[in-house]
Amino acid sequence: MTPPSTPTKIVTIILMFSCAAALVVWDVVAATNNVVGDTISETTLGFMQRYPVAGCGVGLALGVILGHLFWPQYPTVSTNKEK
């Protein structure tokens, strides 16, 4: 694996890890307090039960995002056979 070479790649990687870390820290804080139903999973489940059509949209959006992240990406090969 080659290290990131452009500023936008570096910023993207920093943002991805920062957002993931912030969500994990927030979920731990929410899980350790005395308030019931304030973790990310509890809030998402409550939203999806209250609004099932919008909940399907959330599931679809997450599926598209994860599918995009893990879809094999190959370099484009030109098939132009001009002489």
Protein backbone atom coordinates (compact mmCIF):
# COMPACT_ATOMS: atom_id res chain seq x y z
CA MET A 1 0.00 0.00 0.00
CA THR A 2 1.42 3.36 -0.99
CA PRO A 3 1.13 6.32 1.37
CA PRO A 4 -1.32 9.11 0.45
CA SER A 5 0.27 11.62 -1.86
CA THR A 6 -2.19 14.49 -2.31
CA PRO A 7 -3.57 16.88 0.30
CA THR A 8 -7.16 15.83 -0.43
CA LYS A 9 -6.34 12.17 0.22
CA ILE A 10 -4.67 13.06 3.50
CA VAL A 11 -7.62 15.23 4.58
CA THR A 12 -10.09 12.49 3.57
CA ILE A 13 -8.25 9.89 5.64
CA ILE A 14 -8.03 12.24 8.63
CA LEU A 15 -11.75 13.05 8.39
CA MET A 16 -12.76 9.38 8.11
CA PHE A 17 -10.81 8.33 11.19
CA SER A 18 -11.80 11.45 13.14
CA CYS A 19 -15.51 10.94 12.46
CA ALA A 20 -15.32 7.24 13.31
CA ALA A 21 -13.44 7.98 16.54
CA ALA A 22 -15.89 10.74 17.49
CA LEU A 23 -18.86 8.40 16.96
CA VAL A 24 -17.26 5.67 19.07
CA VAL A 25 -16.42 8.10 21.89
CA TRP A 26 -19.91 9.62 21.78
CA ASP A 27 -21.56 6.19 21.88
CA VAL A 28 -19.44 5.17 24.90
CA VAL A 29 -20.36 8.41 26.70
CA ALA A 30 -24.06 7.90 25.88
CA ALA A 31 -23.95 4.27 26.99
CA THR A 32 -22.33 5.05 30.33
CA ASN A 33 -24.75 7.75 31.49
CA ASN A 34 -28.10 7.11 33.18
CA VAL A 35 -30.27 8.23 30.24
CA VAL A 36 -32.09 5.39 28.49
CA GLY A 37 -32.33 5.41 24.70
CA ASP A 38 -29.62 7.91 23.79
CA THR A 39 -27.00 5.67 22.16
CA ILE A 40 -26.63 5.67 18.39
CA SER A 41 -28.19 2.23 17.99
CA GLU A 42 -31.12 2.98 20.30
CA THR A 43 -31.83 6.29 18.56
CA THR A 44 -31.61 4.71 15.11
CA LEU A 45 -33.87 1.80 16.11
CA GLY A 46 -36.45 4.18 17.61
CA PHE A 47 -36.41 6.32 14.45
CA MET A 48 -36.82 3.31 12.19
CA GLN A 49 -39.72 1.96 14.28
CA ARG A 50 -41.45 5.35 14.33
CA TYR A 51 -40.88 6.11 10.63
CA PRO A 52 -40.58 2.79 8.75
CA VAL A 53 -40.46 4.29 5.24
CA ALA A 54 -37.70 6.72 6.19
CA GLY A 55 -36.02 3.86 8.04
CA CYS A 56 -35.89 1.89 4.80
CA GLY A 57 -34.21 4.93 3.24
CA VAL A 58 -31.60 4.92 6.00
CA GLY A 59 -30.96 1.23 5.41
CA LEU A 60 -30.72 1.78 1.66
CA ALA A 61 -28.33 4.71 2.08
CA LEU A 62 -26.08 2.69 4.39
CA GLY A 63 -26.13 -0.20 1.93
CA VAL A 64 -25.15 2.06 -0.97
CA ILE A 65 -22.34 3.65 1.05
CA LEU A 66 -20.93 0.32 2.23
CA GLY A 67 -21.35 -1.21 -1.22
CA HIS A 68 -19.43 1.70 -2.71
CA LEU A 69 -16.66 1.36 -0.14
CA PHE A 70 -16.13 -2.35 -0.70
CA TRP A 71 -16.88 -2.63 -4.44
CA PRO A 72 -13.70 -3.72 -6.24
CA GLN A 73 -12.18 -0.76 -8.01
CA TYR A 74 -9.95 -1.59 -10.94
CA PRO A 75 -8.04 0.83 -13.17
CA THR A 76 -9.80 1.73 -16.38
CA VAL A 77 -8.35 -0.03 -19.40
CA SER A 78 -8.71 1.61 -22.80
CA THR A 79 -10.01 -0.71 -25.51
CA ASN A 80 -9.58 1.78 -28.34
CA LYS A 81 -7.88 -0.12 -31.19
CA GLU A 82 -7.14 2.67 -33.66
CA LYS A 83 -4.42 2.14 -36.23
